[in-house]
């Protein structure tokens, strides 16, 4: 989505919220001068999302060996 710099100045909160879901290109005189992109979640946040999804009896050593052998 493209947004002019004047529109960004008028309503910055809206575009920050929008940038959490998708990339926002900021334009000046019709040319893209900057981009707002969603922030990457931290590794800890990503790991917390996996709790309850991964099985309790997961054998990490077997998975590692399988990955190395491929």
N, C-alpha and C. Protein backbone atom coordinates (compact mmCIF):
# COMPACT_ATOMS: atom_id res chain seq x y z
N UNK A 1 0.84 -1.17 0.00
CA UNK A 1 0.00 0.00 0.00
C UNK A 1 0.89 1.23 0.00
N UNK A 2 0.58 2.21 -0.82
CA UNK A 2 1.31 3.47 -0.86
C UNK A 2 0.55 4.54 -0.09
N UNK A 3 1.29 5.39 0.62
CA UNK A 3 0.70 6.49 1.36
C UNK A 3 1.63 7.69 1.23
N UNK A 4 1.04 8.84 1.02
CA UNK A 4 1.86 10.04 0.91
C UNK A 4 2.38 10.45 2.28
N UNK A 5 3.48 11.14 2.28
CA UNK A 5 4.07 11.57 3.55
C UNK A 5 3.15 12.53 4.30
N UNK A 6 2.38 13.33 3.56
CA UNK A 6 1.45 14.25 4.23
C UNK A 6 0.32 13.48 4.91
N UNK A 7 -0.15 12.39 4.28
CA UNK A 7 -1.19 11.56 4.92
C UNK A 7 -0.63 10.87 6.16
N UNK A 8 0.64 10.45 6.09
CA UNK A 8 1.29 9.83 7.24
C UNK A 8 1.40 10.81 8.40
N UNK A 9 1.74 12.06 8.09
CA UNK A 9 1.85 13.08 9.14
C UNK A 9 0.49 13.36 9.78
N UNK A 10 -0.57 13.32 8.97
CA UNK A 10 -1.91 13.61 9.46
C UNK A 10 -2.44 12.51 10.38
N UNK A 11 -2.16 11.26 10.04
CA UNK A 11 -2.72 10.15 10.81
C UNK A 11 -1.67 9.05 11.02
N UNK A 12 -0.60 9.32 11.77
CA UNK A 12 0.48 8.33 11.91
C UNK A 12 0.04 7.05 12.61
N UNK A 13 -0.83 7.15 13.60
CA UNK A 13 -1.27 5.96 14.34
C UNK A 13 -1.94 4.93 13.45
N UNK A 14 -2.75 5.41 12.52
CA UNK A 14 -3.45 4.50 11.60
C UNK A 14 -2.45 3.71 10.77
N UNK A 15 -1.44 4.38 10.24
CA UNK A 15 -0.48 3.71 9.36
C UNK A 15 0.48 2.81 10.14
N UNK A 16 0.75 3.15 11.39
CA UNK A 16 1.55 2.26 12.24
C UNK A 16 0.78 0.96 12.48
N UNK A 17 -0.51 1.09 12.78
CA UNK A 17 -1.36 -0.09 12.97
C UNK A 17 -1.40 -0.93 11.69
N UNK A 18 -1.54 -0.26 10.56
CA UNK A 18 -1.60 -0.95 9.28
C UNK A 18 -0.27 -1.65 8.98
N UNK A 19 0.84 -1.04 9.34
CA UNK A 19 2.16 -1.61 9.10
C UNK A 19 2.41 -2.87 9.92
N UNK A 20 1.61 -3.10 10.96
CA UNK A 20 1.76 -4.32 11.73
C UNK A 20 1.27 -5.54 10.95
N UNK A 21 0.41 -5.31 9.95
CA UNK A 21 -0.11 -6.41 9.14
C UNK A 21 0.56 -6.52 7.77
N UNK A 22 0.93 -5.39 7.18
CA UNK A 22 1.51 -5.44 5.84
C UNK A 22 2.45 -4.26 5.63
N UNK A 23 3.18 -4.31 4.55
CA UNK A 23 4.14 -3.25 4.24
C UNK A 23 3.41 -2.00 3.75
N UNK A 24 3.91 -0.86 4.18
CA UNK A 24 3.35 0.43 3.76
C UNK A 24 4.49 1.24 3.13
N UNK A 25 4.32 1.61 1.87
CA UNK A 25 5.32 2.43 1.19
C UNK A 25 4.96 3.90 1.38
N UNK A 26 5.92 4.69 1.81
CA UNK A 26 5.72 6.13 2.01
C UNK A 26 6.25 6.85 0.79
N UNK A 27 5.40 7.70 0.21
CA UNK A 27 5.79 8.40 -1.02
C UNK A 27 5.92 9.89 -0.79
N UNK A 28 6.79 10.49 -1.58
CA UNK A 28 6.96 11.94 -1.60
C UNK A 28 7.03 12.33 -3.07
N UNK A 29 6.12 13.18 -3.48
CA UNK A 29 6.02 13.58 -4.89
C UNK A 29 5.87 12.36 -5.80
N UNK A 30 5.13 11.36 -5.34
CA UNK A 30 4.85 10.18 -6.15
C UNK A 30 5.94 9.13 -6.16
N UNK A 31 7.06 9.36 -5.49
CA UNK A 31 8.15 8.39 -5.46
C UNK A 31 8.28 7.78 -4.07
N UNK A 32 8.51 6.49 -4.02
CA UNK A 32 8.67 5.81 -2.74
C UNK A 32 9.99 6.25 -2.11
N UNK A 33 9.91 6.76 -0.87
CA UNK A 33 11.10 7.23 -0.16
C UNK A 33 11.41 6.40 1.08
N UNK A 34 10.43 5.63 1.56
CA UNK A 34 10.63 4.80 2.76
C UNK A 34 9.56 3.73 2.81
N UNK A 35 9.78 2.74 3.65
CA UNK A 35 8.78 1.68 3.85
C UNK A 35 8.63 1.40 5.34
N UNK A 36 7.40 1.16 5.74
CA UNK A 36 7.11 0.66 7.08
C UNK A 36 6.80 -0.83 6.90
N UNK A 37 7.49 -1.68 7.64
CA UNK A 37 7.27 -3.11 7.53
C UNK A 37 6.98 -3.68 8.91
N UNK A 38 6.25 -4.81 8.95
CA UNK A 38 5.98 -5.42 10.25
C UNK A 38 7.28 -5.84 10.92
N UNK A 39 7.35 -5.65 12.22
CA UNK A 39 8.53 -6.06 12.99
C UNK A 39 8.54 -7.58 13.10
N UNK A 40 9.75 -8.16 13.10
CA UNK A 40 9.87 -9.60 13.29
C UNK A 40 9.62 -9.91 14.75
N UNK A 41 8.85 -10.96 15.02
CA UNK A 41 8.68 -11.34 16.43
C UNK A 41 9.98 -11.88 16.99
N UNK A 42 10.18 -11.71 18.28
CA UNK A 42 11.40 -12.24 18.90
C UNK A 42 11.35 -13.77 18.90
N UNK A 43 12.49 -14.39 19.06
CA UNK A 43 12.55 -15.85 19.09
C UNK A 43 11.76 -16.40 20.27
N UNK A 44 11.78 -15.68 21.38
CA UNK A 44 11.03 -16.12 22.56
C UNK A 44 9.53 -16.11 22.29
N UNK A 45 9.05 -15.06 21.62
CA UNK A 45 7.62 -14.99 21.29
C UNK A 45 7.24 -16.12 20.35
N UNK A 46 8.09 -16.41 19.37
CA UNK A 46 7.82 -17.50 18.43
C UNK A 46 7.79 -18.84 19.16
N UNK A 47 8.70 -19.05 20.09
CA UNK A 47 8.75 -20.31 20.84
C UNK A 47 7.50 -20.47 21.70
N UNK A 48 7.03 -19.39 22.31
CA UNK A 48 5.83 -19.45 23.15
C UNK A 48 4.61 -19.88 22.35
N UNK A 49 4.57 -19.50 21.08
CA UNK A 49 3.44 -19.88 20.23
C UNK A 49 3.42 -21.38 19.95
N UNK A 50 4.57 -22.04 20.07
CA UNK A 50 4.66 -23.48 19.80
C UNK A 50 4.25 -24.33 20.99
N UNK A 51 4.18 -23.74 22.18
CA UNK A 51 3.80 -24.49 23.37
C UNK A 51 2.38 -25.02 23.18
N UNK A 52 2.23 -26.31 23.38
CA UNK A 52 0.94 -26.95 23.19
C UNK A 52 0.77 -27.52 21.80
N UNK A 53 1.59 -27.09 20.85
CA UNK A 53 1.50 -27.62 19.49
C UNK A 53 2.46 -28.79 19.32
N UNK A 54 3.68 -28.63 19.83
CA UNK A 54 4.67 -29.70 19.73
C UNK A 54 4.35 -30.80 20.73
N UNK A 55 4.54 -32.06 20.32
CA UNK A 55 4.27 -33.16 21.25
C UNK A 55 5.23 -33.15 22.44
N UNK A 56 4.75 -33.63 23.58
CA UNK A 56 5.54 -33.65 24.80
C UNK A 56 6.74 -34.60 24.70
N UNK A 57 6.57 -35.71 23.97
CA UNK A 57 7.62 -36.74 23.91
C UNK A 57 8.52 -36.57 22.68
N UNK A 58 8.76 -35.38 22.27
CA UNK A 58 9.58 -35.11 21.10
C UNK A 58 11.04 -35.45 21.38
N UNK A 59 11.64 -36.26 20.51
CA UNK A 59 13.03 -36.67 20.66
C UNK A 59 13.90 -35.76 19.80
N UNK A 60 14.47 -34.73 20.42
CA UNK A 60 15.25 -33.74 19.69
C UNK A 60 16.51 -34.33 19.07
N UNK A 61 17.13 -35.29 19.77
CA UNK A 61 18.35 -35.91 19.23
C UNK A 61 18.04 -36.69 17.96
N UNK A 62 16.93 -37.42 17.94
CA UNK A 62 16.55 -38.18 16.74
C UNK A 62 16.23 -37.23 15.59
N UNK A 63 15.55 -36.14 15.89
CA UNK A 63 15.25 -35.15 14.84
C UNK A 63 16.52 -34.54 14.28
N UNK A 64 17.47 -34.26 15.16
CA UNK A 64 18.75 -33.67 14.72
C UNK A 64 19.49 -34.64 13.82
N UNK A 65 19.58 -35.91 14.23
CA UNK A 65 20.25 -36.93 13.43
C UNK A 65 19.58 -37.09 12.06
N UNK A 66 18.25 -37.11 12.06
CA UNK A 66 17.51 -37.23 10.81
C UNK A 66 17.80 -36.04 9.88
N UNK A 67 17.86 -34.86 10.45
CA UNK A 67 18.13 -33.65 9.65
C UNK A 67 19.55 -33.68 9.09
N UNK A 68 20.50 -34.15 9.88
CA UNK A 68 21.89 -34.20 9.44
C UNK A 68 22.06 -35.23 8.32
N UNK A 69 21.35 -36.33 8.40
CA UNK A 69 21.49 -37.40 7.41
C UNK A 69 20.87 -37.05 6.07
N UNK A 70 20.01 -36.06 6.02
CA UNK A 70 19.35 -35.70 4.74
C UNK A 70 20.24 -34.92 3.85
